Amino acid sequence: MQTTEFGVQIASIVAFLFYGPLCLFSKDTIIEFKRYGLLRFRKLTGVLEILGAIGLILGFYSHILLVLASAGLALLMLLGMCARIRIKDPLIAMLPAFMLFVFNLFLFIRAI
């Protein structure tokens, strides 16, 4: 694995191991998901983010898990950007989701 791919994979793992538990336990995240009109998906989103990070970790050993995890996380971040566009959030608020989308799309493309 090249250094860039390794760094992107590590950055994505760290980000989702941070954001995933926030989705599950942070009161601020509850407020955000209410604002998006997606409160019923908050716990699912948190679990998917954590599972995706675990999939990226296991992706160091299993190519298919890297493909599946990176594709799933890219899709999740694309949906997150769509939710923010729908409620007319400023572009700066979309930056983390956009960067994580790009990171995981990059990993997916490199892995297929």
N, C-alpha and C. Protein backbone atom coordinates (compact mmCIF):
# COMPACT_ATOMS: atom_id res chain seq x y z
N MET A 1 0.85 -1.18 0.00
CA MET A 1 0.00 0.00 0.00
C MET A 1 0.89 1.24 0.00
N GLN A 2 0.51 2.19 -0.82
CA GLN A 2 1.29 3.42 -0.90
C GLN A 2 1.02 4.31 0.30
N THR A 3 1.94 5.21 0.56
CA THR A 3 1.85 6.09 1.72
C THR A 3 0.59 6.93 1.71
N THR A 4 0.20 7.48 0.55
CA THR A 4 -1.00 8.31 0.47
C THR A 4 -2.24 7.51 0.85
N GLU A 5 -2.38 6.33 0.28
CA GLU A 5 -3.53 5.49 0.60
C GLU A 5 -3.57 5.14 2.08
N PHE A 6 -2.41 4.80 2.62
CA PHE A 6 -2.33 4.46 4.04
C PHE A 6 -2.77 5.65 4.90
N GLY A 7 -2.27 6.83 4.59
CA GLY A 7 -2.62 8.02 5.35
C GLY A 7 -4.10 8.36 5.27
N VAL A 8 -4.67 8.23 4.07
CA VAL A 8 -6.09 8.51 3.88
C VAL A 8 -6.93 7.49 4.65
N GLN A 9 -6.51 6.24 4.61
CA GLN A 9 -7.24 5.19 5.32
C GLN A 9 -7.19 5.43 6.83
N ILE A 10 -6.03 5.77 7.34
CA ILE A 10 -5.89 6.05 8.77
C ILE A 10 -6.73 7.26 9.16
N ALA A 11 -6.68 8.33 8.35
CA ALA A 11 -7.46 9.54 8.65
C ALA A 11 -8.95 9.22 8.70
N SER A 12 -9.42 8.41 7.76
CA SER A 12 -10.83 8.05 7.72
C SER A 12 -11.20 7.20 8.94
N ILE A 13 -10.36 6.26 9.29
CA ILE A 13 -10.61 5.42 10.47
C ILE A 13 -10.74 6.28 11.72
N VAL A 14 -9.79 7.18 11.91
CA VAL A 14 -9.80 8.04 13.10
C VAL A 14 -11.06 8.91 13.11
N ALA A 15 -11.39 9.49 11.97
CA ALA A 15 -12.57 10.37 11.89
C ALA A 15 -13.84 9.61 12.23
N PHE A 16 -14.02 8.43 11.66
CA PHE A 16 -15.26 7.70 11.91
C PHE A 16 -15.31 7.07 13.31
N LEU A 17 -14.15 6.76 13.88
CA LEU A 17 -14.15 6.29 15.27
C LEU A 17 -14.43 7.44 16.23
N PHE A 18 -14.27 8.68 15.76
CA PHE A 18 -14.63 9.86 16.54
C PHE A 18 -16.10 10.21 16.32
N TYR A 19 -16.52 10.34 15.06
CA TYR A 19 -17.89 10.77 14.75
C TYR A 19 -18.94 9.71 15.04
N GLY A 20 -18.62 8.44 14.87
CA GLY A 20 -19.59 7.37 15.12
C GLY A 20 -20.13 7.39 16.55
N PRO A 21 -19.24 7.35 17.55
CA PRO A 21 -19.73 7.43 18.92
C PRO A 21 -20.45 8.75 19.23
N LEU A 22 -20.03 9.84 18.60
CA LEU A 22 -20.75 11.11 18.79
C LEU A 22 -22.20 10.97 18.35
N CYS A 23 -22.42 10.28 17.24
CA CYS A 23 -23.80 10.07 16.76
C CYS A 23 -24.62 9.32 17.80
N LEU A 24 -24.00 8.43 18.50
CA LEU A 24 -24.72 7.59 19.46
C LEU A 24 -24.93 8.28 20.81
N PHE A 25 -23.99 9.12 21.22
CA PHE A 25 -24.01 9.59 22.61
C PHE A 25 -24.03 11.10 22.82
N SER A 26 -23.83 11.89 21.79
CA SER A 26 -23.74 13.34 21.97
C SER A 26 -25.10 14.01 21.88
N LYS A 27 -25.40 14.84 22.84
CA LYS A 27 -26.66 15.61 22.81
C LYS A 27 -26.65 16.61 21.66
N ASP A 28 -25.49 17.15 21.32
CA ASP A 28 -25.39 18.07 20.19
C ASP A 28 -25.75 17.37 18.87
N THR A 29 -25.37 16.11 18.76
CA THR A 29 -25.69 15.36 17.55
C THR A 29 -27.19 15.10 17.46
N ILE A 30 -27.83 14.87 18.59
CA ILE A 30 -29.29 14.70 18.60
C ILE A 30 -29.95 15.96 18.04
N ILE A 31 -29.48 17.11 18.50
CA ILE A 31 -30.01 18.39 18.01
C ILE A 31 -29.79 18.53 16.51
N GLU A 32 -28.60 18.17 16.04
CA GLU A 32 -28.29 18.26 14.61
C GLU A 32 -29.20 17.35 13.78
N PHE A 33 -29.37 16.12 14.22
CA PHE A 33 -30.21 15.19 13.46
C PHE A 33 -31.68 15.64 13.47
N LYS A 34 -32.13 16.25 14.56
CA LYS A 34 -33.48 16.84 14.56
C LYS A 34 -33.56 17.94 13.52
N ARG A 35 -32.53 18.78 13.46
CA ARG A 35 -32.50 19.88 12.49
C ARG A 35 -32.55 19.35 11.05
N TYR A 36 -31.89 18.22 10.82
CA TYR A 36 -31.91 17.61 9.48
C TYR A 36 -33.25 16.95 9.18
N GLY A 37 -34.05 16.70 10.22
CA GLY A 37 -35.28 15.93 10.05
C GLY A 37 -35.00 14.45 9.92
N LEU A 38 -33.87 14.00 10.47
CA LEU A 38 -33.44 12.61 10.31
C LEU A 38 -33.13 11.94 11.65
N LEU A 39 -33.80 12.36 12.71
CA LEU A 39 -33.50 11.85 14.04
C LEU A 39 -33.61 10.33 14.11
N ARG A 40 -34.55 9.76 13.38
CA ARG A 40 -34.73 8.30 13.44
C ARG A 40 -33.54 7.53 12.85
N PHE A 41 -32.66 8.22 12.11
CA PHE A 41 -31.49 7.58 11.52
C PHE A 41 -30.20 7.83 12.29
N ARG A 42 -30.27 8.55 13.40
CA ARG A 42 -29.06 8.92 14.15
C ARG A 42 -28.30 7.70 14.65
N LYS A 43 -28.97 6.78 15.31
CA LYS A 43 -28.29 5.61 15.86
C LYS A 43 -27.76 4.72 14.74
N LEU A 44 -28.55 4.54 13.69
CA LEU A 44 -28.09 3.75 12.55
C LEU A 44 -26.84 4.37 11.94
N THR A 45 -26.84 5.69 11.80
CA THR A 45 -25.68 6.38 11.23
C THR A 45 -24.45 6.15 12.09
N GLY A 46 -24.59 6.29 13.41
CA GLY A 46 -23.46 6.07 14.30
C GLY A 46 -22.92 4.66 14.22
N VAL A 47 -23.81 3.69 14.20
CA VAL A 47 -23.38 2.28 14.11
C VAL A 47 -22.69 2.03 12.77
N LEU A 48 -23.25 2.56 11.68
CA LEU A 48 -22.64 2.37 10.36
C LEU A 48 -21.26 3.02 10.28
N GLU A 49 -21.11 4.18 10.91
CA GLU A 49 -19.80 4.84 10.91
C GLU A 49 -18.77 4.01 11.68
N ILE A 50 -19.16 3.47 12.82
CA ILE A 50 -18.24 2.64 13.59
C ILE A 50 -17.91 1.35 12.84
N LEU A 51 -18.94 0.71 12.28
CA LEU A 51 -18.70 -0.51 11.50
C LEU A 51 -17.83 -0.23 10.28
N GLY A 52 -18.05 0.92 9.65
CA GLY A 52 -17.23 1.30 8.50
C GLY A 52 -15.78 1.48 8.89
N ALA A 53 -15.54 2.13 10.04
CA ALA A 53 -14.16 2.30 10.52
C ALA A 53 -13.52 0.94 10.81
N ILE A 54 -14.27 0.05 11.43
CA ILE A 54 -13.75 -1.30 11.69
C ILE A 54 -13.47 -2.01 10.37
N GLY A 55 -14.37 -1.83 9.39
CA GLY A 55 -14.13 -2.42 8.07
C GLY A 55 -12.87 -1.88 7.42
N LEU A 56 -12.60 -0.58 7.60
CA LEU A 56 -11.36 -0.01 7.05
C LEU A 56 -10.14 -0.58 7.75
N ILE A 57 -10.24 -0.79 9.06
CA ILE A 57 -9.13 -1.41 9.80
C ILE A 57 -8.88 -2.81 9.27
N LEU A 58 -9.96 -3.59 9.16
CA LEU A 58 -9.83 -4.96 8.64
C LEU A 58 -9.43 -4.95 7.17
N GLY A 59 -9.68 -3.84 6.50
CA GLY A 59 -9.30 -3.69 5.10
C GLY A 59 -7.80 -3.73 4.87
N PHE A 60 -7.02 -3.52 5.93
CA PHE A 60 -5.56 -3.69 5.80
C PHE A 60 -5.21 -5.16 5.55
N TYR A 61 -6.13 -6.06 5.92
CA TYR A 61 -5.89 -7.50 5.80
C TYR A 61 -6.80 -8.18 4.77
N SER A 62 -7.94 -7.54 4.48
CA SER A 62 -8.91 -8.13 3.57
C SER A 62 -9.33 -7.10 2.52
N HIS A 63 -8.98 -7.37 1.29
CA HIS A 63 -9.27 -6.45 0.20
C HIS A 63 -10.77 -6.19 0.05
N ILE A 64 -11.57 -7.23 0.14
CA ILE A 64 -13.01 -7.09 -0.05
C ILE A 64 -13.62 -6.21 1.05
N LEU A 65 -13.11 -6.31 2.28
CA LEU A 65 -13.62 -5.45 3.35
C LEU A 65 -13.25 -4.00 3.12
N LEU A 66 -12.09 -3.75 2.54
CA LEU A 66 -11.70 -2.38 2.19
C LEU A 66 -12.64 -1.82 1.14
N VAL A 67 -12.95 -2.62 0.13
CA VAL A 67 -13.87 -2.19 -0.93
C VAL A 67 -15.25 -1.88 -0.34
N LEU A 68 -15.78 -2.80 0.44
CA LEU A 68 -17.13 -2.63 1.00
C LEU A 68 -17.21 -1.47 1.98
N ALA A 69 -16.23 -1.37 2.87
CA ALA A 69 -16.25 -0.31 3.89
C ALA A 69 -16.09 1.06 3.25
N SER A 70 -15.16 1.19 2.32
CA SER A 70 -14.93 2.50 1.69
C SER A 70 -16.14 2.91 0.85
N ALA A 71 -16.76 1.96 0.15
CA ALA A 71 -17.95 2.28 -0.63
C ALA A 71 -19.10 2.70 0.28
N GLY A 72 -19.30 1.96 1.36
CA GLY A 72 -20.37 2.28 2.29
C GLY A 72 -20.18 3.63 2.95
N LEU A 73 -18.97 3.93 3.37
CA LEU A 73 -18.71 5.21 4.01
C LEU A 73 -18.81 6.37 3.02
N ALA A 74 -18.36 6.16 1.78
CA ALA A 74 -18.51 7.21 0.77
C ALA A 74 -19.99 7.50 0.53
N LEU A 75 -20.80 6.46 0.44
CA LEU A 75 -22.24 6.64 0.25
C LEU A 75 -22.87 7.36 1.45
N LEU A 76 -22.48 6.96 2.64
CA LEU A 76 -23.00 7.59 3.85
C LEU A 76 -22.67 9.09 3.87
N MET A 77 -21.46 9.45 3.48
CA MET A 77 -21.07 10.85 3.47
C MET A 77 -21.75 11.63 2.34
N LEU A 78 -21.99 10.97 1.22
CA LEU A 78 -22.75 11.60 0.14
C LEU A 78 -24.16 11.92 0.61
N LEU A 79 -24.77 10.99 1.30
CA LEU A 79 -26.12 11.22 1.85
C LEU A 79 -26.09 12.33 2.91
N GLY A 80 -25.03 12.37 3.69
CA GLY A 80 -24.88 13.43 4.68
C GLY A 80 -24.78 14.80 4.02
N MET A 81 -24.04 14.87 2.92
CA MET A 81 -23.94 16.14 2.18
C MET A 81 -25.30 16.52 1.60
N CYS A 82 -26.03 15.55 1.10
CA CYS A 82 -27.37 15.83 0.56
C CYS A 82 -28.30 16.37 1.63
N ALA A 83 -28.22 15.82 2.84
CA ALA A 83 -29.05 16.30 3.94
C ALA A 83 -28.71 17.76 4.26
N ARG A 84 -27.45 18.08 4.26
CA ARG A 84 -27.03 19.46 4.55
C ARG A 84 -27.42 20.41 3.43
N ILE A 85 -27.36 19.96 2.20
CA ILE A 85 -27.80 20.79 1.06
C ILE A 85 -29.30 21.05 1.18
N ARG A 86 -30.04 20.01 1.52
CA ARG A 86 -31.50 20.11 1.64
C ARG A 86 -31.92 21.16 2.65
N ILE A 87 -31.18 21.28 3.76
CA ILE A 87 -31.56 22.27 4.77
C ILE A 87 -30.79 23.58 4.60
N LYS A 88 -30.06 23.67 3.48
CA LYS A 88 -29.35 24.89 3.12
C LYS A 88 -28.28 25.31 4.13
N ASP A 89 -27.53 24.33 4.61
CA ASP A 89 -26.39 24.62 5.47
C ASP A 89 -25.31 25.34 4.66
N PRO A 90 -24.48 26.14 5.31
CA PRO A 90 -23.37 26.78 4.59
C PRO A 90 -22.35 25.73 4.12
N LEU A 91 -21.62 26.07 3.09
CA LEU A 91 -20.64 25.14 2.52
C LEU A 91 -19.62 24.68 3.56
N ILE A 92 -19.21 25.58 4.44
CA ILE A 92 -18.22 25.21 5.45
C ILE A 92 -18.72 24.09 6.36
N ALA A 93 -20.02 24.03 6.59
CA ALA A 93 -20.59 22.97 7.43
C ALA A 93 -20.53 21.62 6.73
N MET A 94 -20.46 21.64 5.40
CA MET A 94 -20.40 20.39 4.63
C MET A 94 -18.98 19.87 4.46
N LEU A 95 -18.00 20.68 4.82
CA LEU A 95 -16.61 20.31 4.55
C LEU A 95 -16.19 18.97 5.15
N PRO A 96 -16.49 18.67 6.43
CA PRO A 96 -16.07 17.35 6.94
C PRO A 96 -16.69 16.18 6.15
N ALA A 97 -17.98 16.26 5.87
CA ALA A 97 -18.63 15.18 5.10
C ALA A 97 -18.04 15.10 3.70
N PHE A 98 -17.77 16.25 3.08
CA PHE A 98 -17.20 16.26 1.74
C PHE A 98 -15.81 15.62 1.74
N MET A 99 -14.98 16.00 2.70
CA MET A 99 -13.62 15.44 2.76
C MET A 99 -13.67 13.93 3.00
N LEU A 100 -14.53 13.49 3.90
CA LEU A 100 -14.63 12.05 4.16
C LEU A 100 -15.21 11.31 2.97
N PHE A 101 -16.10 11.96 2.22
CA PHE A 101 -16.60 11.37 0.98
C PHE A 101 -15.44 11.19 0.00
N VAL A 102 -14.65 12.23 -0.19
CA VAL A 102 -13.52 12.18 -1.12
C VAL A 102 -12.52 11.12 -0.68
N PHE A 103 -12.19 11.09 0.62
CA PHE A 103 -11.24 10.10 1.12
C PHE A 103 -11.70 8.68 0.82
N ASN A 104 -12.96 8.40 1.11
CA ASN A 104 -13.46 7.03 0.94
C ASN A 104 -13.71 6.69 -0.52
N LEU A 105 -14.10 7.66 -1.32
CA LEU A 105 -14.21 7.42 -2.76
C LEU A 105 -12.83 7.09 -3.33
N PHE A 106 -11.82 7.82 -2.90
CA PHE A 106 -10.44 7.56 -3.31
C PHE A 106 -10.03 6.13 -2.94
N LEU A 107 -10.30 5.74 -1.69
CA LEU A 107 -9.94 4.39 -1.25
C LEU A 107 -10.69 3.34 -2.07
N PHE A 108 -11.97 3.59 -2.33
CA PHE A 108 -12.76 2.65 -3.10
C PHE A 108 -12.21 2.49 -4.52
N ILE A 109 -11.95 3.62 -5.18
CA ILE A 109 -11.44 3.57 -6.55
C ILE A 109 -10.09 2.88 -6.61
N ARG A 110 -9.23 3.16 -5.66
CA ARG A 110 -7.91 2.51 -5.63
C ARG A 110 -8.02 1.01 -5.36
N ALA A 111 -9.09 0.62 -4.63
CA ALA A 111 -9.21 -0.79 -4.23
C ALA A 111 -9.87 -1.65 -5.31
N ILE A 112 -10.70 -1.04 -6.18
CA ILE A 112 -11.38 -1.89 -7.17
C ILE A 112 -10.49 -2.19 -8.36
